[in-house]
Amino acid sequence: MHRSIVVVAALALSTACSKEEAPAAAPAATTAAATAAAPAAPAAPAAAAAPAPMGGDHAEHAASAATRDQVDADGVVRRGAKLSPDVELVTVSAAVKRGKELNGKKIKLHGKVSDVCTKMGCWFVVQGDKPEDTIRISTKSHSIFVPMKAVGYTATVEGTLSLRVLSKEAAQHYEDERQLKEGEQKKVITGDVDEIFIDVAGLEMKQG
């Protein structure tokens, strides 16, 4: 089972300084010792922000999702930018095996859709030769939507691959949104999960 990768944003801390009115100057003949300023208190460590729910606010993006079922005349679902001919094409299983090498790199990925978000179609998962070889596809801007009936479609996606850790809560969010297969029961996520993720810039998918 893949454990998921979560990006945690640090909160910026601001410190305020106050100035005290300087004491009245002593007469010239008086040799008073200067008072040393008290050392500033060390800044508190930055607090980690709670991770935002994965997949964003579905209601906020309802208008964009209205086009999620759009299919071109040739039967291909196309979203985002046109696929580049000069970007390396790799299979899902190859990308899983080369995860550390490809981390942070732009690639084209080819695989079979195994899961789709049942709320808005805002993410999907492609599977490789083995059931455990999976990569989640979505956009950080939550701006690309695909048909929720796309399970079983063949997809080619282009974007930046990254290794990440999902919190238990984020992983459960994804689990709750996926469509259960016949005879399958919803999983209860008990800990953080590693996963491979592609922030997709463009994609093509079709049946078969």
N, C-alpha and C. Protein backbone atom coordinates (compact mmCIF):
# COMPACT_ATOMS: atom_id res chain seq x y z
N MET A 1 0.85 -1.20 0.00
CA MET A 1 0.00 0.00 0.00
C MET A 1 0.87 1.23 0.00
N HIS A 2 0.49 2.18 -0.82
CA HIS A 2 1.31 3.38 -0.92
C HIS A 2 0.95 4.35 0.17
N ARG A 3 1.94 4.85 0.79
CA ARG A 3 1.74 5.93 1.75
C ARG A 3 1.80 7.25 1.03
N SER A 4 0.96 8.23 1.46
CA SER A 4 0.83 9.47 0.74
C SER A 4 1.75 10.61 1.18
N ILE A 5 2.16 11.66 0.14
CA ILE A 5 3.12 12.74 0.43
C ILE A 5 2.39 14.06 0.63
N VAL A 6 2.55 14.77 1.75
CA VAL A 6 1.82 16.02 1.99
C VAL A 6 2.78 17.17 2.11
N VAL A 7 2.37 18.24 1.46
CA VAL A 7 3.21 19.42 1.55
C VAL A 7 2.66 20.30 2.64
N VAL A 8 3.48 20.67 3.64
CA VAL A 8 2.99 21.46 4.78
C VAL A 8 3.60 22.83 4.70
N ALA A 9 2.74 23.87 4.65
CA ALA A 9 3.23 25.23 4.54
C ALA A 9 3.50 25.81 5.91
N ALA A 10 4.63 26.52 6.05
CA ALA A 10 4.97 27.13 7.34
C ALA A 10 4.36 28.50 7.43
N LEU A 11 3.86 28.87 8.61
CA LEU A 11 3.30 30.20 8.84
C LEU A 11 4.43 31.17 9.13
N ALA A 12 4.32 32.34 8.53
CA ALA A 12 5.33 33.36 8.79
C ALA A 12 5.08 34.01 10.14
N LEU A 13 6.15 34.26 10.86
CA LEU A 13 6.01 34.91 12.17
C LEU A 13 6.46 36.36 12.05
N SER A 14 5.75 37.23 12.74
CA SER A 14 6.17 38.64 12.77
C SER A 14 6.44 39.03 14.21
N THR A 15 7.48 39.75 14.43
CA THR A 15 7.81 40.20 15.78
C THR A 15 7.74 41.71 15.83
N ALA A 16 7.13 42.22 16.90
CA ALA A 16 7.01 43.67 17.03
C ALA A 16 8.03 44.16 18.03
N CYS A 17 8.58 45.30 17.71
CA CYS A 17 9.56 45.89 18.62
C CYS A 17 8.98 47.17 19.19
N SER A 18 9.24 47.43 20.46
CA SER A 18 8.78 48.67 21.08
C SER A 18 9.98 49.46 21.56
N LYS A 19 9.86 50.75 21.46
CA LYS A 19 10.96 51.61 21.89
C LYS A 19 10.55 52.37 23.15
N GLU A 20 11.45 52.46 24.13
CA GLU A 20 11.19 53.23 25.33
C GLU A 20 11.81 54.61 25.19
N GLU A 21 11.15 55.57 25.80
CA GLU A 21 11.67 56.93 25.75
C GLU A 21 13.01 56.99 26.49
N ALA A 22 14.01 57.59 25.88
CA ALA A 22 15.34 57.66 26.49
C ALA A 22 15.30 58.52 27.74
N PRO A 23 16.01 58.12 28.79
CA PRO A 23 16.01 58.92 30.03
C PRO A 23 16.71 60.25 29.81
N ALA A 24 16.36 61.23 30.65
CA ALA A 24 16.97 62.56 30.51
C ALA A 24 18.47 62.47 30.70
N ALA A 25 19.22 63.26 29.93
CA ALA A 25 20.68 63.22 29.99
C ALA A 25 21.18 63.74 31.34
N ALA A 26 22.21 63.10 31.88
CA ALA A 26 22.80 63.55 33.15
C ALA A 26 23.66 64.78 32.91
N PRO A 27 23.91 65.59 33.94
CA PRO A 27 24.79 66.76 33.77
C PRO A 27 26.16 66.33 33.28
N ALA A 28 26.84 67.25 32.55
CA ALA A 28 28.13 66.92 31.95
C ALA A 28 29.13 66.42 32.96
N ALA A 29 29.07 66.93 34.18
CA ALA A 29 30.07 66.55 35.17
C ALA A 29 29.81 65.16 35.73
N THR A 30 28.58 64.66 35.51
CA THR A 30 28.24 63.36 36.08
C THR A 30 28.67 62.26 35.13
N THR A 31 29.36 61.27 35.63
CA THR A 31 29.81 60.15 34.80
C THR A 31 28.97 58.92 35.13
N ALA A 32 27.69 58.93 34.64
CA ALA A 32 26.78 57.80 34.91
C ALA A 32 27.06 56.68 33.92
N ALA A 33 26.98 55.47 34.37
CA ALA A 33 27.20 54.31 33.48
C ALA A 33 25.99 54.13 32.58
N ALA A 34 26.26 53.75 31.30
CA ALA A 34 25.17 53.51 30.35
C ALA A 34 24.45 52.22 30.72
N THR A 35 23.17 52.25 30.59
CA THR A 35 22.36 51.06 30.91
C THR A 35 22.30 50.16 29.68
N ALA A 36 22.69 48.91 29.85
CA ALA A 36 22.68 47.97 28.71
C ALA A 36 21.25 47.58 28.37
N ALA A 37 21.00 47.50 27.07
CA ALA A 37 19.65 47.11 26.63
C ALA A 37 19.45 45.63 26.89
N ALA A 38 18.22 45.27 27.28
CA ALA A 38 17.92 43.86 27.53
C ALA A 38 17.93 43.10 26.21
N PRO A 39 18.50 41.90 26.18
CA PRO A 39 18.54 41.13 24.91
C PRO A 39 17.14 40.78 24.46
N ALA A 40 16.94 40.77 23.12
CA ALA A 40 15.63 40.44 22.57
C ALA A 40 15.32 38.97 22.80
N ALA A 41 14.05 38.66 23.07
CA ALA A 41 13.64 37.27 23.28
C ALA A 41 13.73 36.52 21.97
N PRO A 42 14.20 35.28 21.99
CA PRO A 42 14.30 34.52 20.74
C PRO A 42 12.93 34.29 20.13
N ALA A 43 12.88 34.32 18.78
CA ALA A 43 11.60 34.11 18.08
C ALA A 43 11.12 32.69 18.27
N ALA A 44 9.82 32.56 18.42
CA ALA A 44 9.23 31.22 18.56
C ALA A 44 9.34 30.49 17.24
N PRO A 45 9.47 29.16 17.25
CA PRO A 45 9.55 28.42 15.99
C PRO A 45 8.27 28.56 15.18
N ALA A 46 8.41 28.54 13.85
CA ALA A 46 7.25 28.69 12.96
C ALA A 46 6.29 27.54 13.17
N ALA A 47 5.03 27.87 13.27
CA ALA A 47 4.01 26.83 13.44
C ALA A 47 3.63 26.26 12.09
N ALA A 48 3.45 24.97 12.05
CA ALA A 48 3.07 24.33 10.79
C ALA A 48 1.58 24.50 10.56
N ALA A 49 1.24 24.94 9.35
CA ALA A 49 -0.17 25.12 9.02
C ALA A 49 -0.83 23.78 8.80
N ALA A 50 -2.09 23.69 9.18
CA ALA A 50 -2.83 22.46 8.93
C ALA A 50 -2.98 22.27 7.43
N PRO A 51 -2.78 21.06 6.92
CA PRO A 51 -2.89 20.85 5.47
C PRO A 51 -4.29 21.13 4.98
N ALA A 52 -4.38 21.77 3.81
CA ALA A 52 -5.69 22.00 3.20
C ALA A 52 -6.26 20.68 2.71
N PRO A 53 -7.58 20.52 2.71
CA PRO A 53 -8.17 19.28 2.19
C PRO A 53 -7.75 19.06 0.76
N MET A 54 -7.33 17.85 0.42
CA MET A 54 -6.89 17.55 -0.92
C MET A 54 -8.09 17.62 -1.85
N GLY A 55 -7.89 18.21 -3.03
CA GLY A 55 -8.97 18.30 -4.00
C GLY A 55 -9.70 19.63 -3.92
N GLY A 56 -9.46 20.43 -2.90
CA GLY A 56 -10.02 21.76 -2.85
C GLY A 56 -11.50 21.80 -2.50
N ASP A 57 -12.10 22.97 -2.69
CA ASP A 57 -13.50 23.18 -2.40
C ASP A 57 -14.31 22.86 -3.64
N HIS A 58 -15.05 21.76 -3.60
CA HIS A 58 -15.78 21.32 -4.79
C HIS A 58 -16.84 22.32 -5.24
N ALA A 59 -17.56 22.92 -4.29
CA ALA A 59 -18.62 23.85 -4.65
C ALA A 59 -18.05 25.07 -5.39
N GLU A 60 -16.86 25.50 -4.97
CA GLU A 60 -16.22 26.68 -5.56
C GLU A 60 -15.90 26.47 -7.03
N HIS A 61 -15.66 25.22 -7.42
CA HIS A 61 -15.24 24.94 -8.79
C HIS A 61 -16.34 24.29 -9.62
N ALA A 62 -17.59 24.41 -9.19
CA ALA A 62 -18.69 23.75 -9.88
C ALA A 62 -18.83 24.23 -11.33
N ALA A 63 -18.60 25.53 -11.57
CA ALA A 63 -18.75 26.06 -12.92
C ALA A 63 -17.74 25.43 -13.87
N SER A 64 -16.47 25.30 -13.42
CA SER A 64 -15.45 24.70 -14.27
C SER A 64 -15.74 23.23 -14.53
N ALA A 65 -16.29 22.57 -13.53
CA ALA A 65 -16.54 21.14 -13.65
C ALA A 65 -17.71 20.83 -14.60
N ALA A 66 -18.45 21.86 -14.99
CA ALA A 66 -19.59 21.64 -15.88
C ALA A 66 -19.14 21.08 -17.23
N THR A 67 -17.87 21.27 -17.59
CA THR A 67 -17.36 20.78 -18.86
C THR A 67 -16.63 19.44 -18.73
N ARG A 68 -16.69 18.81 -17.56
CA ARG A 68 -15.89 17.61 -17.33
C ARG A 68 -16.26 16.45 -18.25
N ASP A 69 -17.50 16.39 -18.74
CA ASP A 69 -17.91 15.28 -19.60
C ASP A 69 -17.70 15.58 -21.08
N GLN A 70 -17.10 16.70 -21.39
CA GLN A 70 -16.88 17.07 -22.79
C GLN A 70 -15.91 16.10 -23.46
N VAL A 71 -16.30 15.61 -24.64
CA VAL A 71 -15.47 14.70 -25.43
C VAL A 71 -15.37 15.26 -26.85
N ASP A 72 -14.18 15.28 -27.43
CA ASP A 72 -14.02 15.78 -28.79
C ASP A 72 -14.67 14.84 -29.80
N ALA A 73 -14.85 15.34 -31.01
CA ALA A 73 -15.56 14.59 -32.05
C ALA A 73 -14.90 13.25 -32.37
N ASP A 74 -13.60 13.13 -32.15
CA ASP A 74 -12.89 11.88 -32.43
C ASP A 74 -12.93 10.91 -31.25
N GLY A 75 -13.71 11.26 -30.21
CA GLY A 75 -13.86 10.36 -29.07
C GLY A 75 -12.79 10.51 -28.01
N VAL A 76 -11.92 11.51 -28.14
CA VAL A 76 -10.83 11.70 -27.18
C VAL A 76 -11.19 12.82 -26.20
N VAL A 77 -10.95 12.57 -24.93
CA VAL A 77 -11.11 13.60 -23.90
C VAL A 77 -9.79 14.36 -23.83
N ARG A 78 -9.83 15.63 -24.14
CA ARG A 78 -8.62 16.47 -24.09
C ARG A 78 -8.82 17.58 -23.08
N ARG A 79 -7.81 17.77 -22.23
CA ARG A 79 -7.87 18.82 -21.22
C ARG A 79 -6.51 19.51 -21.14
N GLY A 80 -6.54 20.81 -20.82
CA GLY A 80 -5.31 21.54 -20.61
C GLY A 80 -4.53 21.78 -21.89
N ALA A 81 -3.21 21.87 -21.75
CA ALA A 81 -2.34 22.17 -22.88
C ALA A 81 -2.16 20.96 -23.81
N LYS A 82 -1.82 21.24 -25.04
CA LYS A 82 -1.54 20.18 -26.00
C LYS A 82 -0.29 19.41 -25.58
N LEU A 83 -0.32 18.09 -25.75
CA LEU A 83 0.83 17.27 -25.36
C LEU A 83 2.04 17.59 -26.23
N SER A 84 3.21 17.66 -25.59
CA SER A 84 4.45 18.00 -26.29
C SER A 84 5.09 16.76 -26.90
N PRO A 85 5.55 16.84 -28.15
CA PRO A 85 6.16 15.67 -28.78
C PRO A 85 7.56 15.36 -28.24
N ASP A 86 8.21 16.33 -27.60
CA ASP A 86 9.60 16.14 -27.19
C ASP A 86 9.77 15.82 -25.70
N VAL A 87 8.67 15.59 -24.99
CA VAL A 87 8.75 15.23 -23.57
C VAL A 87 8.78 13.71 -23.44
N GLU A 88 9.66 13.20 -22.58
CA GLU A 88 9.83 11.75 -22.42
C GLU A 88 8.52 11.06 -22.04
N LEU A 89 8.18 10.00 -22.74
CA LEU A 89 6.98 9.21 -22.45
C LEU A 89 7.39 7.97 -21.67
N VAL A 90 6.80 7.79 -20.50
CA VAL A 90 7.10 6.62 -19.68
C VAL A 90 5.81 5.95 -19.25
N THR A 91 5.88 4.66 -18.98
CA THR A 91 4.72 3.94 -18.47
C THR A 91 4.60 4.18 -16.97
N VAL A 92 3.44 3.85 -16.43
CA VAL A 92 3.23 4.04 -15.00
C VAL A 92 4.22 3.20 -14.19
N SER A 93 4.37 1.93 -14.54
CA SER A 93 5.27 1.06 -13.78
C SER A 93 6.71 1.56 -13.84
N ALA A 94 7.13 2.06 -15.01
CA ALA A 94 8.49 2.59 -15.14
C ALA A 94 8.66 3.85 -14.29
N ALA A 95 7.62 4.70 -14.25
CA ALA A 95 7.70 5.93 -13.46
C ALA A 95 7.74 5.61 -11.96
N VAL A 96 6.98 4.59 -11.53
CA VAL A 96 7.01 4.19 -10.13
C VAL A 96 8.41 3.71 -9.76
N LYS A 97 9.01 2.92 -10.63
CA LYS A 97 10.34 2.38 -10.38
C LYS A 97 11.40 3.48 -10.37
N ARG A 98 11.20 4.51 -11.19
CA ARG A 98 12.18 5.59 -11.32
C ARG A 98 11.75 6.85 -10.56
N GLY A 99 10.88 6.68 -9.56
CA GLY A 99 10.30 7.82 -8.86
C GLY A 99 11.31 8.86 -8.37
N LYS A 100 12.36 8.41 -7.69
CA LYS A 100 13.36 9.34 -7.16
C LYS A 100 14.09 10.07 -8.28
N GLU A 101 14.36 9.36 -9.35
CA GLU A 101 15.06 9.96 -10.49
C GLU A 101 14.20 11.01 -11.19
N LEU A 102 12.88 10.74 -11.28
CA LEU A 102 11.98 11.62 -12.01
C LEU A 102 11.36 12.71 -11.14
N ASN A 103 11.59 12.65 -9.84
CA ASN A 103 10.99 13.62 -8.92
C ASN A 103 11.34 15.05 -9.33
N GLY A 104 10.30 15.89 -9.55
CA GLY A 104 10.51 17.28 -9.95
C GLY A 104 10.67 17.48 -11.44
N LYS A 105 10.59 16.40 -12.22
CA LYS A 105 10.79 16.51 -13.67
C LYS A 105 9.46 16.44 -14.42
N LYS A 106 9.43 17.08 -15.58
CA LYS A 106 8.26 17.05 -16.44
C LYS A 106 8.32 15.81 -17.32
N ILE A 107 7.25 15.02 -17.32
CA ILE A 107 7.22 13.79 -18.12
C ILE A 107 5.85 13.64 -18.77
N LYS A 108 5.77 12.71 -19.72
CA LYS A 108 4.50 12.23 -20.24
C LYS A 108 4.31 10.83 -19.71
N LEU A 109 3.12 10.54 -19.23
CA LEU A 109 2.83 9.26 -18.59
C LEU A 109 1.68 8.58 -19.31
N HIS A 110 1.82 7.28 -19.52
CA HIS A 110 0.78 6.51 -20.22
C HIS A 110 0.33 5.37 -19.33
N GLY A 111 -0.99 5.26 -19.12
CA GLY A 111 -1.50 4.18 -18.29
C GLY A 111 -3.01 4.09 -18.34
N LYS A 112 -3.54 3.14 -17.59
CA LYS A 112 -4.98 2.88 -17.53
C LYS A 112 -5.57 3.55 -16.29
N VAL A 113 -6.71 4.23 -16.47
CA VAL A 113 -7.37 4.91 -15.36
C VAL A 113 -8.02 3.87 -14.45
N SER A 114 -7.65 3.90 -13.16
CA SER A 114 -8.19 2.92 -12.22
C SER A 114 -9.15 3.54 -11.21
N ASP A 115 -9.04 4.84 -10.96
CA ASP A 115 -9.93 5.54 -10.02
C ASP A 115 -10.15 6.96 -10.51
N VAL A 116 -11.34 7.49 -10.22
CA VAL A 116 -11.67 8.88 -10.54
C VAL A 116 -12.42 9.48 -9.37
N CYS A 117 -12.19 10.75 -9.09
CA CYS A 117 -12.95 11.45 -8.06
C CYS A 117 -14.43 11.42 -8.41
N THR A 118 -15.25 10.92 -7.48
CA THR A 118 -16.69 10.80 -7.74
C THR A 118 -17.45 12.07 -7.36
N LYS A 119 -16.76 13.06 -6.83
CA LYS A 119 -17.41 14.31 -6.46
C LYS A 119 -17.42 15.30 -7.62
N MET A 120 -16.25 15.48 -8.25
CA MET A 120 -16.13 16.47 -9.31
C MET A 120 -15.29 16.01 -10.50
N GLY A 121 -14.67 14.85 -10.41
CA GLY A 121 -13.78 14.44 -11.48
C GLY A 121 -12.50 15.25 -11.50
N CYS A 122 -12.09 15.76 -10.32
CA CYS A 122 -10.94 16.67 -10.25
C CYS A 122 -9.61 15.94 -10.09
N TRP A 123 -9.63 14.65 -9.89
CA TRP A 123 -8.40 13.85 -9.85
C TRP A 123 -8.72 12.45 -10.36
N PHE A 124 -7.68 11.76 -10.81
CA PHE A 124 -7.83 10.35 -11.18
C PHE A 124 -6.51 9.65 -10.95
N VAL A 125 -6.56 8.34 -10.96
CA VAL A 125 -5.37 7.52 -10.72
C VAL A 125 -5.14 6.64 -11.94
N VAL A 126 -3.89 6.55 -12.38
CA VAL A 126 -3.53 5.64 -13.46
C VAL A 126 -2.72 4.48 -12.87
N GLN A 127 -2.95 3.31 -13.43
CA GLN A 127 -2.34 2.08 -12.91
C GLN A 127 -1.42 1.47 -13.95
N GLY A 128 -0.36 0.85 -13.45
CA GLY A 128 0.61 0.22 -14.34
C GLY A 128 0.37 -1.27 -14.50
N ASP A 129 1.47 -2.01 -14.73
CA ASP A 129 1.38 -3.45 -14.96
C ASP A 129 0.92 -4.19 -13.72
N LYS A 130 1.26 -3.67 -12.55
CA LYS A 130 0.86 -4.29 -11.28
C LYS A 130 -0.13 -3.38 -10.57
N PRO A 131 -1.10 -3.97 -9.84
CA PRO A 131 -2.11 -3.16 -9.15
C PRO A 131 -1.52 -2.11 -8.21
N GLU A 132 -0.37 -2.42 -7.63
CA GLU A 132 0.23 -1.48 -6.68
C GLU A 132 0.99 -0.34 -7.37
N ASP A 133 1.18 -0.44 -8.68
CA ASP A 133 1.85 0.64 -9.43
C ASP A 133 0.81 1.68 -9.82
N THR A 134 0.67 2.71 -9.00
CA THR A 134 -0.34 3.74 -9.25
C THR A 134 0.26 5.13 -9.07
N ILE A 135 -0.29 6.08 -9.83
CA ILE A 135 0.12 7.48 -9.74
C ILE A 135 -1.14 8.34 -9.80
N ARG A 136 -1.24 9.29 -8.87
CA ARG A 136 -2.40 10.18 -8.84
C ARG A 136 -2.17 11.37 -9.78
N ILE A 137 -3.21 11.71 -10.53
CA ILE A 137 -3.14 12.81 -11.48
C ILE A 137 -4.14 13.89 -11.06
N SER A 138 -3.67 15.12 -10.93
CA SER A 138 -4.55 16.24 -10.60
C SER A 138 -3.80 17.52 -10.92
N THR A 139 -4.41 18.66 -10.55
CA THR A 139 -3.72 19.94 -10.70
C THR A 139 -3.74 20.65 -9.36
N LYS A 140 -2.64 21.29 -9.04
CA LYS A 140 -2.57 22.06 -7.79
C LYS A 140 -3.57 23.22 -7.82
N SER A 141 -3.88 23.69 -9.04
CA SER A 141 -4.83 24.79 -9.18
C SER A 141 -6.27 24.29 -9.22
N HIS A 142 -6.44 22.95 -9.21
CA HIS A 142 -7.79 22.36 -9.22
C HIS A 142 -8.59 22.89 -10.40
N SER A 143 -8.01 22.82 -11.61
CA SER A 143 -8.62 23.43 -12.78
C SER A 143 -8.89 22.47 -13.94
N ILE A 144 -8.55 21.20 -13.78
CA ILE A 144 -8.81 20.23 -14.84
C ILE A 144 -9.74 19.14 -14.30
N PHE A 145 -10.80 18.85 -15.05
CA PHE A 145 -11.79 17.87 -14.63
C PHE A 145 -12.00 16.86 -15.75
N VAL A 146 -12.22 15.61 -15.38
CA VAL A 146 -12.43 14.54 -16.36
C VAL A 146 -13.73 13.82 -16.05
N PRO A 147 -14.28 13.08 -17.03
CA PRO A 147 -15.52 12.36 -16.78
C PRO A 147 -15.38 11.38 -15.61
N MET A 148 -16.37 11.33 -14.77
CA MET A 148 -16.31 10.42 -13.62
C MET A 148 -16.50 8.96 -14.05
N LYS A 149 -16.90 8.76 -15.30
CA LYS A 149 -17.04 7.40 -15.84
C LYS A 149 -15.77 6.93 -16.54
N ALA A 150 -14.65 7.64 -16.34
CA ALA A 150 -13.42 7.37 -17.09
C ALA A 150 -12.63 6.18 -16.59
N VAL A 151 -13.09 5.49 -15.57
CA VAL A 151 -12.37 4.28 -15.11
C VAL A 151 -12.32 3.29 -16.26
N GLY A 152 -11.12 2.79 -16.54
CA GLY A 152 -10.93 1.88 -17.67
C GLY A 152 -10.41 2.57 -18.92
N TYR A 153 -10.46 3.90 -18.95
CA TYR A 153 -9.95 4.64 -20.11
C TYR A 153 -8.41 4.53 -20.13
N THR A 154 -7.85 4.68 -21.32
CA THR A 154 -6.40 4.79 -21.48
C THR A 154 -6.05 6.26 -21.51
N ALA A 155 -5.09 6.66 -20.68
CA ALA A 155 -4.75 8.09 -20.56
C ALA A 155 -3.28 8.34 -20.82
N THR A 156 -3.02 9.47 -21.46
CA THR A 156 -1.66 10.00 -21.58
C THR A 156 -1.69 11.39 -20.98
N VAL A 157 -0.86 11.61 -19.98
CA VAL A 157 -0.86 12.91 -19.29
C VAL A 157 0.55 13.49 -19.33
N GLU A 158 0.61 14.79 -19.25
CA GLU A 158 1.90 15.49 -19.23
C GLU A 158 1.92 16.46 -18.06
N GLY A 159 2.96 16.41 -17.26
CA GLY A 159 3.06 17.30 -16.12
C GLY A 159 4.30 17.00 -15.31
N THR A 160 4.37 17.63 -14.15
CA THR A 160 5.54 17.48 -13.28
C THR A 160 5.28 16.42 -12.22
N LEU A 161 6.16 15.45 -12.17
CA LEU A 161 6.03 14.35 -11.20
C LEU A 161 6.67 14.76 -9.88
N SER A 162 6.03 14.35 -8.79
CA SER A 162 6.62 14.62 -7.47
C SER A 162 6.27 13.48 -6.51
N LEU A 163 7.17 13.27 -5.57
CA LEU A 163 6.95 12.32 -4.49
C LEU A 163 6.42 13.12 -3.31
N ARG A 164 5.36 12.66 -2.69
CA ARG A 164 4.81 13.41 -1.58
C ARG A 164 4.25 12.48 -0.52
N VAL A 165 4.02 13.03 0.65
CA VAL A 165 3.44 12.28 1.76
C VAL A 165 2.08 12.90 2.08
N LEU A 166 1.05 12.09 2.02
CA LEU A 166 -0.28 12.55 2.38
C LEU A 166 -0.51 12.28 3.86
N SER A 167 -1.10 13.23 4.53
CA SER A 167 -1.49 12.99 5.92
C SER A 167 -2.59 11.94 5.94
N LYS A 168 -2.81 11.39 7.11
CA LYS A 168 -3.88 10.40 7.26
C LYS A 168 -5.22 10.99 6.83
N GLU A 169 -5.46 12.27 7.17
CA GLU A 169 -6.72 12.91 6.84
C GLU A 169 -6.86 13.13 5.33
N ALA A 170 -5.78 13.56 4.68
CA ALA A 170 -5.83 13.78 3.24
C ALA A 170 -6.03 12.47 2.49
N ALA A 171 -5.34 11.42 2.94
CA ALA A 171 -5.49 10.11 2.32
C ALA A 171 -6.92 9.59 2.48
N GLN A 172 -7.51 9.82 3.64
CA GLN A 172 -8.89 9.38 3.86
C GLN A 172 -9.85 10.17 2.98
N HIS A 173 -9.54 11.45 2.76
CA HIS A 173 -10.35 12.29 1.87
C HIS A 173 -10.40 11.67 0.47
N TYR A 174 -9.24 11.29 -0.04
CA TYR A 174 -9.20 10.64 -1.35
C TYR A 174 -9.96 9.32 -1.34
N GLU A 175 -9.75 8.54 -0.29
CA GLU A 175 -10.42 7.24 -0.20
C GLU A 175 -11.94 7.41 -0.21
N ASP A 176 -12.42 8.43 0.48
CA ASP A 176 -13.86 8.66 0.55
C ASP A 176 -14.44 9.12 -0.78
N GLU A 177 -13.59 9.71 -1.63
CA GLU A 177 -14.08 10.23 -2.91
C GLU A 177 -14.03 9.22 -4.06
N ARG A 178 -13.32 8.15 -3.90
CA ARG A 178 -13.19 7.21 -5.01
C ARG A 178 -14.38 6.26 -5.07
N GLN A 179 -14.60 5.72 -6.27
CA GLN A 179 -15.71 4.79 -6.46
C GLN A 179 -15.28 3.38 -6.09
N LEU A 180 -16.02 2.75 -5.21
CA LEU A 180 -15.69 1.39 -4.79
C LEU A 180 -16.07 0.40 -5.88
N LYS A 181 -15.21 -0.57 -6.08
CA LYS A 181 -15.49 -1.61 -7.06
C LYS A 181 -16.42 -2.65 -6.42
N GLU A 182 -17.02 -3.47 -7.23
CA GLU A 182 -17.98 -4.45 -6.73
C GLU A 182 -17.34 -5.35 -5.67
N GLY A 183 -18.01 -5.44 -4.53
CA GLY A 183 -17.51 -6.27 -3.44
C GLY A 183 -16.44 -5.63 -2.59
N GLU A 184 -16.04 -4.41 -2.93
CA GLU A 184 -14.97 -3.72 -2.21
C GLU A 184 -15.55 -2.86 -1.09
N GLN A 185 -14.85 -2.77 0.03
CA GLN A 185 -15.27 -1.93 1.14
C GLN A 185 -14.31 -0.76 1.29
N LYS A 186 -14.84 0.35 1.76
CA LYS A 186 -14.02 1.54 1.96
C LYS A 186 -12.94 1.26 3.01
N LYS A 187 -11.74 1.74 2.72
CA LYS A 187 -10.63 1.54 3.63
C LYS A 187 -10.62 2.63 4.70
N VAL A 188 -10.14 2.28 5.87
CA VAL A 188 -9.91 3.25 6.93
C VAL A 188 -8.41 3.50 6.99
N ILE A 189 -8.00 4.72 6.69
CA ILE A 189 -6.58 5.07 6.65
C ILE A 189 -6.10 5.33 8.08
N THR A 190 -5.03 4.68 8.46
CA THR A 190 -4.56 4.77 9.85
C THR A 190 -3.26 5.54 10.01
N GLY A 191 -2.67 5.99 8.91
CA GLY A 191 -1.40 6.71 9.02
C GLY A 191 -1.08 7.45 7.74
N ASP A 192 0.01 8.19 7.75
CA ASP A 192 0.45 8.92 6.57
C ASP A 192 0.78 7.94 5.44
N VAL A 193 0.61 8.40 4.20
CA VAL A 193 0.78 7.53 3.04
C VAL A 193 1.68 8.20 2.00
N ASP A 194 2.66 7.48 1.53
CA ASP A 194 3.51 7.95 0.43
C ASP A 194 2.78 7.74 -0.89
N GLU A 195 2.91 8.71 -1.79
CA GLU A 195 2.37 8.49 -3.13
C GLU A 195 3.15 9.30 -4.15
N ILE A 196 2.97 8.91 -5.41
CA ILE A 196 3.54 9.65 -6.53
C ILE A 196 2.40 10.45 -7.15
N PHE A 197 2.69 11.70 -7.43
CA PHE A 197 1.66 12.63 -7.90
C PHE A 197 2.17 13.35 -9.14
N ILE A 198 1.28 13.61 -10.10
CA ILE A 198 1.63 14.43 -11.25
C ILE A 198 0.70 15.64 -11.29
N ASP A 199 1.30 16.82 -11.24
CA ASP A 199 0.57 18.07 -11.42
C ASP A 199 0.42 18.25 -12.93
N VAL A 200 -0.74 17.89 -13.44
CA VAL A 200 -0.92 17.74 -14.88
C VAL A 200 -1.12 19.09 -15.57
N ALA A 201 -0.46 19.24 -16.73
CA ALA A 201 -0.61 20.45 -17.54
C ALA A 201 -1.53 20.18 -18.73
N GLY A 202 -1.51 18.93 -19.21
CA GLY A 202 -2.36 18.56 -20.34
C GLY A 202 -2.56 17.06 -20.36
N LEU A 203 -3.68 16.62 -20.95
CA LEU A 203 -3.94 15.18 -20.99
C LEU A 203 -4.85 14.82 -22.15
N GLU A 204 -4.77 13.55 -22.51
CA GLU A 204 -5.68 12.95 -23.47
C GLU A 204 -6.08 11.60 -22.93
N MET A 205 -7.37 11.25 -23.04
CA MET A 205 -7.82 9.93 -22.62
C MET A 205 -8.98 9.48 -23.49
N LYS A 206 -9.09 8.17 -23.64
CA LYS A 206 -10.18 7.62 -24.44
C LYS A 206 -10.49 6.20 -23.97
N GLN A 207 -11.65 5.72 -24.35
CA GLN A 207 -12.04 4.37 -24.00
C GLN A 207 -11.15 3.35 -24.70
N GLY A 208 -10.90 2.23 -24.01
CA GLY A 208 -10.14 1.17 -24.62
C GLY A 208 -8.65 1.24 -24.38
